Amino acid sequence: MTHEEIRNKIQSIFIDVTENAAIVLNDETTADDIDEWDSLVHIQLIVEMERCFGISFTAEEIGGYGNVGQMADGIAEKMGVVPENRP
């Protein structure tokens, strides 16, 4: 699974959890960029990502992700996916 495929799956999760089909994510997207992304939604997103990707996050990891790209990289690492060189 590529970084882009992971990010696309994350985007689907965001759309489902927030019920906002207009959300478009990129690697730099943060909670400040999405009105619906508050602390409660963040927990719902994490739970759904864990379920969808078959992984578990630590509290430190959850608090350490600053944007969607970092989340995707963290998921890739947990899945044993070799990181891609990205701009």
PDB file of N, CA and C in Angstrom:
ATOM      1  N   MET A   1       0.859  -1.174   0.000  1.00  0.00           N
ATOM      2  CA  MET A   1       0.000   0.000   0.000  1.00  0.00           C
ATOM      3  C   MET A   1       0.904   1.236   0.000  1.00  0.00           C
ATOM      4  N   THR A   2       0.620   2.166  -0.885  1.00  0.00           N
ATOM      5  CA  THR A   2       1.430   3.377  -0.986  1.00  0.00           C
ATOM      6  C   THR A   2       0.938   4.443  -0.009  1.00  0.00           C
ATOM      7  N   HIS A   3       1.763   5.468   0.170  1.00  0.00           N
ATOM      8  CA  HIS A   3       1.392   6.600   1.024  1.00  0.00           C
ATOM      9  C   HIS A   3       0.088   7.225   0.513  1.00  0.00           C
ATOM     10  N   GLU A   4      -0.015   7.385  -0.789  1.00  0.00           N
ATOM     11  CA  GLU A   4      -1.217   7.988  -1.373  1.00  0.00           C
ATOM     12  C   GLU A   4      -2.450   7.114  -1.115  1.00  0.00           C
ATOM     13  N   GLU A   5      -2.302   5.807  -1.238  1.00  0.00           N
ATOM     14  CA  GLU A   5      -3.426   4.904  -0.970  1.00  0.00           C
ATOM     15  C   GLU A   5      -3.855   4.987   0.494  1.00  0.00           C
ATOM     16  N   ILE A   6      -2.874   5.071   1.385  1.00  0.00           N
ATOM     17  CA  ILE A   6      -3.190   5.224   2.810  1.00  0.00           C
ATOM     18  C   ILE A   6      -3.918   6.539   3.040  1.00  0.00           C
ATOM     19  N   ARG A   7      -3.404   7.628   2.467  1.00  0.00           N
ATOM     20  CA  ARG A   7      -4.043   8.931   2.633  1.00  0.00           C
ATOM     21  C   ARG A   7      -5.456   8.931   2.059  1.00  0.00           C
ATOM     22  N   ASN A   8      -5.666   8.270   0.937  1.00  0.00           N
ATOM     23  CA  ASN A   8      -7.007   8.194   0.352  1.00  0.00           C
ATOM     24  C   ASN A   8      -7.961   7.439   1.263  1.00  0.00           C
ATOM     25  N   LYS A   9      -7.456   6.381   1.899  1.00  0.00           N
ATOM     26  CA  LYS A   9      -8.274   5.635   2.843  1.00  0.00           C
ATOM     27  C   LYS A   9      -8.582   6.499   4.067  1.00  0.00           C
ATOM     28  N   ILE A  10      -7.595   7.264   4.518  1.00  0.00           N
ATOM     29  CA  ILE A  10      -7.811   8.194   5.635  1.00  0.00           C
ATOM     30  C   ILE A  10      -8.887   9.206   5.244  1.00  0.00           C
ATOM     31  N   GLN A  11      -8.833   9.705   4.024  1.00  0.00           N
ATOM     32  CA  GLN A  11      -9.837  10.667   3.564  1.00  0.00           C
ATOM     33  C   GLN A  11     -11.228  10.050   3.625  1.00  0.00           C
ATOM     34  N   SER A  12     -11.375   8.806   3.196  1.00  0.00           N
ATOM     35  CA  SER A  12     -12.672   8.125   3.278  1.00  0.00           C
ATOM     36  C   SER A  12     -13.156   8.035   4.718  1.00  0.00           C
ATOM     37  N   ILE A  13     -12.229   7.765   5.643  1.00  0.00           N
ATOM     38  CA  ILE A  13     -12.573   7.700   7.061  1.00  0.00           C
ATOM     39  C   ILE A  13     -13.045   9.067   7.543  1.00  0.00           C
ATOM     40  N   PHE A  14     -12.334  10.121   7.174  1.00  0.00           N
ATOM     41  CA  PHE A  14     -12.734  11.479   7.546  1.00  0.00           C
ATOM     42  C   PHE A  14     -14.138  11.793   7.048  1.00  0.00           C
ATOM     43  N   ILE A  15     -14.417  11.446   5.803  1.00  0.00           N
ATOM     44  CA  ILE A  15     -15.728  11.714   5.217  1.00  0.00           C
ATOM     45  C   ILE A  15     -16.815  10.966   5.986  1.00  0.00           C
ATOM     46  N   ASP A  16     -16.564   9.700   6.300  1.00  0.00           N
ATOM     47  CA  ASP A  16     -17.549   8.901   7.032  1.00  0.00           C
ATOM     48  C   ASP A  16     -17.777   9.434   8.439  1.00  0.00           C
ATOM     49  N   VAL A  17     -16.694   9.719   9.156  1.00  0.00           N
ATOM     50  CA  VAL A  17     -16.809  10.147  10.555  1.00  0.00           C
ATOM     51  C   VAL A  17     -17.440  11.527  10.660  1.00  0.00           C
ATOM     52  N   THR A  18     -17.030  12.448   9.796  1.00  0.00           N
ATOM     53  CA  THR A  18     -17.547  13.820   9.876  1.00  0.00           C
ATOM     54  C   THR A  18     -18.853  14.018   9.102  1.00  0.00           C
ATOM     55  N   GLU A  19     -19.189  13.031   8.276  1.00  0.00           N
ATOM     56  CA  GLU A  19     -20.369  13.129   7.413  1.00  0.00           C
ATOM     57  C   GLU A  19     -20.294  14.364   6.509  1.00  0.00           C
ATOM     58  N   ASN A  20     -19.075  14.652   6.038  1.00  0.00           N
ATOM     59  CA  ASN A  20     -18.834  15.787   5.156  1.00  0.00           C
ATOM     60  C   ASN A  20     -18.118  15.282   3.901  1.00  0.00           C
ATOM     61  N   ALA A  21     -18.879  15.074   2.843  1.00  0.00           N
ATOM     62  CA  ALA A  21     -18.329  14.534   1.599  1.00  0.00           C
ATOM     63  C   ALA A  21     -17.427  15.517   0.861  1.00  0.00           C
ATOM     64  N   ALA A  22     -17.390  16.768   1.295  1.00  0.00           N
ATOM     65  CA  ALA A  22     -16.580  17.784   0.623  1.00  0.00           C
ATOM     66  C   ALA A  22     -15.140  17.818   1.119  1.00  0.00           C
ATOM     67  N   ILE A  23     -14.814  17.036   2.132  1.00  0.00           N
ATOM     68  CA  ILE A  23     -13.454  17.056   2.685  1.00  0.00           C
ATOM     69  C   ILE A  23     -12.466  16.490   1.674  1.00  0.00           C
ATOM     70  N   VAL A  24     -11.401  17.241   1.445  1.00  0.00           N
ATOM     71  CA  VAL A  24     -10.290  16.801   0.603  1.00  0.00           C
ATOM     72  C   VAL A  24      -9.023  17.008   1.416  1.00  0.00           C
ATOM     73  N   LEU A  25      -8.297  15.915   1.647  1.00  0.00           N
ATOM     74  CA  LEU A  25      -7.091  15.973   2.465  1.00  0.00           C
ATOM     75  C   LEU A  25      -5.841  16.017   1.605  1.00  0.00           C
ATOM     76  N   ASN A  26      -4.802  16.649   2.147  1.00  0.00           N
ATOM     77  CA  ASN A  26      -3.458  16.518   1.600  1.00  0.00           C
ATOM     78  C   ASN A  26      -2.535  16.288   2.792  1.00  0.00           C
ATOM     79  N   ASP A  27      -1.270  16.090   2.549  1.00  0.00           N
ATOM     80  CA  ASP A  27      -0.344  15.759   3.639  1.00  0.00           C
ATOM     81  C   ASP A  27      -0.231  16.863   4.679  1.00  0.00           C
ATOM     82  N   GLU A  28      -0.484  18.096   4.298  1.00  0.00           N
ATOM     83  CA  GLU A  28      -0.331  19.222   5.219  1.00  0.00           C
ATOM     84  C   GLU A  28      -1.609  19.558   5.988  1.00  0.00           C
ATOM     85  N   THR A  29      -2.714  18.867   5.706  1.00  0.00           N
ATOM     86  CA  THR A  29      -3.989  19.155   6.371  1.00  0.00           C
ATOM     87  C   THR A  29      -3.877  18.916   7.877  1.00  0.00           C
ATOM     88  N   THR A  30      -4.358  19.902   8.653  1.00  0.00           N
ATOM     89  CA  THR A  30      -4.378  19.794  10.116  1.00  0.00           C
ATOM     90  C   THR A  30      -5.807  20.001  10.614  1.00  0.00           C
ATOM     91  N   ALA A  31      -5.991  19.831  11.912  1.00  0.00           N
ATOM     92  CA  ALA A  31      -7.304  20.043  12.518  1.00  0.00           C
ATOM     93  C   ALA A  31      -7.784  21.473  12.302  1.00  0.00           C
ATOM     94  N   ASP A  32      -6.878  22.414  12.200  1.00  0.00           N
ATOM     95  CA  ASP A  32      -7.257  23.816  11.968  1.00  0.00           C
ATOM     96  C   ASP A  32      -7.905  24.025  10.597  1.00  0.00           C
ATOM     97  N   ASP A  33      -7.667  23.100   9.677  1.00  0.00           N
ATOM     98  CA  ASP A  33      -8.178  23.232   8.317  1.00  0.00           C
ATOM     99  C   ASP A  33      -9.585  22.664   8.132  1.00  0.00           C
ATOM    100  N   ILE A  34     -10.064  21.869   9.105  1.00  0.00           N
ATOM    101  CA  ILE A  34     -11.363  21.198   8.975  1.00  0.00           C
ATOM    102  C   ILE A  34     -12.216  21.538  10.187  1.00  0.00           C
ATOM    103  N   ASP A  35     -13.295  22.259   9.952  1.00  0.00           N
ATOM    104  CA  ASP A  35     -14.153  22.727  11.043  1.00  0.00           C
ATOM    105  C   ASP A  35     -14.641  21.587  11.939  1.00  0.00           C
ATOM    106  N   GLU A  36     -14.969  20.462  11.357  1.00  0.00           N
ATOM    107  CA  GLU A  36     -15.527  19.342  12.128  1.00  0.00           C
ATOM    108  C   GLU A  36     -14.494  18.605  12.980  1.00  0.00           C
ATOM    109  N   TRP A  37     -13.214  18.851  12.739  1.00  0.00           N
ATOM    110  CA  TRP A  37     -12.154  18.071  13.386  1.00  0.00           C
ATOM    111  C   TRP A  37     -11.841  18.644  14.766  1.00  0.00           C
ATOM    112  N   ASP A  38     -12.657  18.255  15.745  1.00  0.00           N
ATOM    113  CA  ASP A  38     -12.422  18.657  17.130  1.00  0.00           C
ATOM    114  C   ASP A  38     -11.884  17.447  17.907  1.00  0.00           C
ATOM    115  N   SER A  39     -11.743  17.589  19.210  1.00  0.00           N
ATOM    116  CA  SER A  39     -11.130  16.516  20.006  1.00  0.00           C
ATOM    117  C   SER A  39     -11.953  15.236  20.001  1.00  0.00           C
ATOM    118  N   LEU A  40     -13.274  15.346  20.025  1.00  0.00           N
ATOM    119  CA  LEU A  40     -14.125  14.153  19.986  1.00  0.00           C
ATOM    120  C   LEU A  40     -14.020  13.454  18.638  1.00  0.00           C
ATOM    121  N   VAL A  41     -14.073  14.219  17.574  1.00  0.00           N
ATOM    122  CA  VAL A  41     -13.935  13.648  16.234  1.00  0.00           C
ATOM    123  C   VAL A  41     -12.548  13.023  16.068  1.00  0.00           C
ATOM    124  N   HIS A  42     -11.527  13.646  16.661  1.00  0.00           N
ATOM    125  CA  HIS A  42     -10.173  13.099  16.573  1.00  0.00           C
ATOM    126  C   HIS A  42     -10.134  11.676  17.133  1.00  0.00           C
ATOM    127  N   ILE A  43     -10.768  11.474  18.284  1.00  0.00           N
ATOM    128  CA  ILE A  43     -10.801  10.131  18.885  1.00  0.00           C
ATOM    129  C   ILE A  43     -11.568   9.172  17.977  1.00  0.00           C
ATOM    130  N   GLN A  44     -12.674   9.610  17.418  1.00  0.00           N
ATOM    131  CA  GLN A  44     -13.444   8.763  16.505  1.00  0.00           C
ATOM    132  C   GLN A  44     -12.625   8.402  15.262  1.00  0.00           C
ATOM    133  N   LEU A  45     -11.872   9.367  14.764  1.00  0.00           N
ATOM    134  CA  LEU A  45     -11.010   9.110  13.600  1.00  0.00           C
ATOM    135  C   LEU A  45      -9.945   8.071  13.926  1.00  0.00           C
ATOM    136  N   ILE A  46      -9.305   8.223  15.088  1.00  0.00           N
ATOM    137  CA  ILE A  46      -8.249   7.292  15.496  1.00  0.00           C
ATOM    138  C   ILE A  46      -8.802   5.881  15.636  1.00  0.00           C
ATOM    139  N   VAL A  47      -9.945   5.755  16.305  1.00  0.00           N
ATOM    140  CA  VAL A  47     -10.567   4.438  16.500  1.00  0.00           C
ATOM    141  C   VAL A  47     -10.884   3.800  15.149  1.00  0.00           C
ATOM    142  N   GLU A  48     -11.431   4.585  14.241  1.00  0.00           N
ATOM    143  CA  GLU A  48     -11.788   4.046  12.926  1.00  0.00           C
ATOM    144  C   GLU A  48     -10.537   3.690  12.118  1.00  0.00           C
ATOM    145  N   MET A  49      -9.469   4.484  12.216  1.00  0.00           N
ATOM    146  CA  MET A  49      -8.218   4.152  11.510  1.00  0.00           C
ATOM    147  C   MET A  49      -7.621   2.859  12.062  1.00  0.00           C
ATOM    148  N   GLU A  50      -7.645   2.707  13.372  1.00  0.00           N
ATOM    149  CA  GLU A  50      -7.137   1.468  13.973  1.00  0.00           C
ATOM    150  C   GLU A  50      -7.913   0.260  13.447  1.00  0.00           C
ATOM    151  N   ARG A  51      -9.228   0.395  13.387  1.00  0.00           N
ATOM    152  CA  ARG A  51     -10.063  -0.700  12.905  1.00  0.00           C
ATOM    153  C   ARG A  51      -9.808  -0.974  11.417  1.00  0.00           C
ATOM    154  N   CYS A  52      -9.785   0.064  10.643  1.00  0.00           N
ATOM    155  CA  CYS A  52      -9.646  -0.057   9.196  1.00  0.00           C
ATOM    156  C   CYS A  52      -8.289  -0.637   8.783  1.00  0.00           C
ATOM    157  N   PHE A  53      -7.228  -0.174   9.422  1.00  0.00           N
ATOM    158  CA  PHE A  53      -5.881  -0.603   9.056  1.00  0.00           C
ATOM    159  C   PHE A  53      -5.377  -1.780   9.890  1.00  0.00           C
ATOM    160  N   GLY A  54      -6.138  -2.184  10.924  1.00  0.00           N
ATOM    161  CA  GLY A  54      -5.726  -3.314  11.758  1.00  0.00           C
ATOM    162  C   GLY A  54      -4.498  -3.010  12.597  1.00  0.00           C
ATOM    163  N   ILE A  55      -4.419  -1.789  13.117  1.00  0.00           N
ATOM    164  CA  ILE A  55      -3.267  -1.359  13.909  1.00  0.00           C
ATOM    165  C   ILE A  55      -3.754  -0.746  15.220  1.00  0.00           C
ATOM    166  N   SER A  56      -2.815  -0.434  16.105  1.00  0.00           N
ATOM    167  CA  SER A  56      -3.120   0.280  17.344  1.00  0.00           C
ATOM    168  C   SER A  56      -2.121   1.409  17.508  1.00  0.00           C
ATOM    169  N   PHE A  57      -2.612   2.560  17.950  1.00  0.00           N
ATOM    170  CA  PHE A  57      -1.766   3.714  18.227  1.00  0.00           C
ATOM    171  C   PHE A  57      -1.526   3.816  19.731  1.00  0.00           C
ATOM    172  N   THR A  58      -0.371   4.326  20.111  1.00  0.00           N
ATOM    173  CA  THR A  58      -0.125   4.672  21.504  1.00  0.00           C
ATOM    174  C   THR A  58      -0.612   6.103  21.720  1.00  0.00           C
ATOM    175  N   ALA A  59      -0.808   6.483  22.972  1.00  0.00           N
ATOM    176  CA  ALA A  59      -1.226   7.855  23.277  1.00  0.00           C
ATOM    177  C   ALA A  59      -0.190   8.853  22.768  1.00  0.00           C
ATOM    178  N   GLU A  60       1.072   8.491  22.881  1.00  0.00           N
ATOM    179  CA  GLU A  60       2.148   9.372  22.413  1.00  0.00           C
ATOM    180  C   GLU A  60       2.062   9.587  20.901  1.00  0.00           C
ATOM    181  N   GLU A  61       1.796   8.513  20.167  1.00  0.00           N
ATOM    182  CA  GLU A  61       1.668   8.632  18.713  1.00  0.00           C
ATOM    183  C   GLU A  61       0.480   9.511  18.351  1.00  0.00           C
ATOM    184  N   ILE A  62      -0.637   9.287  19.003  1.00  0.00           N
ATOM    185  CA  ILE A  62      -1.846  10.055  18.713  1.00  0.00           C
ATOM    186  C   ILE A  62      -1.591  11.547  18.910  1.00  0.00           C
ATOM    187  N   GLY A  63      -0.921  11.903  19.994  1.00  0.00           N
ATOM    188  CA  GLY A  63      -0.636  13.305  20.283  1.00  0.00           C
ATOM    189  C   GLY A  63       0.478  13.886  19.441  1.00  0.00           C
ATOM    190  N   GLY A  64       1.288  13.029  18.824  1.00  0.00           N
ATOM    191  CA  GLY A  64       2.443  13.498  18.081  1.00  0.00           C
ATOM    192  C   GLY A  64       2.206  13.809  16.618  1.00  0.00           C
ATOM    193  N   TYR A  65       1.080  13.362  16.082  1.00  0.00           N
ATOM    194  CA  TYR A  65       0.803  13.611  14.666  1.00  0.00           C
ATOM    195  C   TYR A  65       0.316  15.035  14.490  1.00  0.00           C
ATOM    196  N   GLY A  66       1.048  15.811  13.696  1.00  0.00           N
ATOM    197  CA  GLY A  66       0.689  17.205  13.489  1.00  0.00           C
ATOM    198  C   GLY A  66      -0.144  17.451  12.251  1.00  0.00           C
ATOM    199  N   ASN A  67      -0.151  16.475  11.338  1.00  0.00           N
ATOM    200  CA  ASN A  67      -0.932  16.643  10.109  1.00  0.00           C
ATOM    201  C   ASN A  67      -1.258  15.272   9.512  1.00  0.00           C
ATOM    202  N   VAL A  68      -2.026  15.267   8.464  1.00  0.00           N
ATOM    203  CA  VAL A  68      -2.471  14.023   7.839  1.00  0.00           C
ATOM    204  C   VAL A  68      -1.295  13.229   7.273  1.00  0.00           C
ATOM    205  N   GLY A  69      -0.305  13.909   6.720  1.00  0.00           N
ATOM    206  CA  GLY A  69       0.868  13.211   6.175  1.00  0.00           C
ATOM    207  C   GLY A  69       1.604  12.431   7.251  1.00  0.00           C
ATOM    208  N   GLN A  70       1.727  13.009   8.434  1.00  0.00           N
ATOM    209  CA  GLN A  70       2.383  12.310   9.543  1.00  0.00           C
ATOM    210  C   GLN A  70       1.552  11.111   9.994  1.00  0.00           C
ATOM    211  N   MET A  71       0.239  11.251   9.982  1.00  0.00           N
ATOM    212  CA  MET A  71      -0.640  10.118  10.301  1.00  0.00           C
ATOM    213  C   MET A  71      -0.427   8.992   9.294  1.00  0.00           C
ATOM    214  N   ALA A  72      -0.425   9.344   8.014  1.00  0.00           N
ATOM    215  CA  ALA A  72      -0.246   8.344   6.960  1.00  0.00           C
ATOM    216  C   ALA A  72       1.111   7.661   7.100  1.00  0.00           C
ATOM    217  N   ASP A  73       2.161   8.429   7.410  1.00  0.00           N
ATOM    218  CA  ASP A  73       3.484   7.844   7.615  1.00  0.00           C
ATOM    219  C   ASP A  73       3.481   6.900   8.811  1.00  0.00           C
ATOM    220  N   GLY A  74       2.805   7.292   9.894  1.00  0.00           N
ATOM    221  CA  GLY A  74       2.722   6.448  11.083  1.00  0.00           C
ATOM    222  C   GLY A  74       1.990   5.151  10.799  1.00  0.00           C
ATOM    223  N   ILE A  75       0.917   5.240  10.037  1.00  0.00           N
ATOM    224  CA  ILE A  75       0.171   4.036   9.658  1.00  0.00           C
ATOM    225  C   ILE A  75       1.035   3.140   8.786  1.00  0.00           C
ATOM    226  N   ALA A  76       1.715   3.731   7.813  1.00  0.00           N
ATOM    227  CA  ALA A  76       2.587   2.954   6.920  1.00  0.00           C
ATOM    228  C   ALA A  76       3.652   2.226   7.720  1.00  0.00           C
ATOM    229  N   GLU A  77       4.249   2.919   8.673  1.00  0.00           N
ATOM    230  CA  GLU A  77       5.289   2.303   9.497  1.00  0.00           C
ATOM    231  C   GLU A  77       4.725   1.113  10.277  1.00  0.00           C
ATOM    232  N   LYS A  78       3.549   1.284  10.863  1.00  0.00           N
ATOM    233  CA  LYS A  78       2.936   0.208  11.632  1.00  0.00           C
ATOM    234  C   LYS A  78       2.573  -0.988  10.747  1.00  0.00           C
ATOM    235  N   MET A  79       2.294  -0.705   9.487  1.00  0.00           N
ATOM    236  CA  MET A  79       1.935  -1.777   8.556  1.00  0.00           C
ATOM    237  C   MET A  79       3.169  -2.384   7.888  1.00  0.00           C
ATOM    238  N   GLY A  80       4.350  -1.849   8.179  1.00  0.00           N
ATOM    239  CA  GLY A  80       5.575  -2.368   7.596  1.00  0.00           C
ATOM    240  C   GLY A  80       5.790  -1.931   6.156  1.00  0.00           C
ATOM    241  N   VAL A  81       5.150  -0.823   5.773  1.00  0.00           N
ATOM    242  CA  VAL A  81       5.300  -0.288   4.426  1.00  0.00           C
ATOM    243  C   VAL A  81       6.539   0.584   4.382  1.00  0.00           C
ATOM    244  N   VAL A  82       7.382   0.383   3.385  1.00  0.00           N
ATOM    245  CA  VAL A  82       8.595   1.186   3.233  1.00  0.00           C
ATOM    246  C   VAL A  82       8.196   2.609   2.843  1.00  0.00           C
ATOM    247  N   PRO A  83       8.704   3.620   3.574  1.00  0.00           N
ATOM    248  CA  PRO A  83       8.361   5.005   3.240  1.00  0.00           C
ATOM    249  C   PRO A  83       8.814   5.386   1.843  1.00  0.00           C
ATOM    250  N   GLU A  84       8.015   6.207   1.195  1.00  0.00           N
ATOM    251  CA  GLU A  84       8.354   6.716  -0.130  1.00  0.00           C
ATOM    252  C   GLU A  84       9.073   8.047   0.016  1.00  0.00           C
ATOM    253  N   ASN A  85       9.868   8.381  -0.977  1.00  0.00           N
ATOM    254  CA  ASN A  85      10.449   9.721  -1.013  1.00  0.00           C
ATOM    255  C   ASN A  85       9.393  10.662  -1.555  1.00  0.00           C
ATOM    256  N   ARG A  86       9.000  11.600  -0.715  1.00  0.00           N
ATOM    257  CA  ARG A  86       7.964  12.554  -1.101  1.00  0.00           C
ATOM    258  C   ARG A  86       8.525  13.953  -0.974  1.00  0.00           C
ATOM    259  N   PRO A  87       7.995  14.893  -1.770  1.00  0.00           N
ATOM    260  CA  PRO A  87       8.458  16.279  -1.661  1.00  0.00           C
ATOM    261  C   PRO A  87       8.124  16.873  -0.313  1.00  0.00           C
TER     262      PRO A  87
END
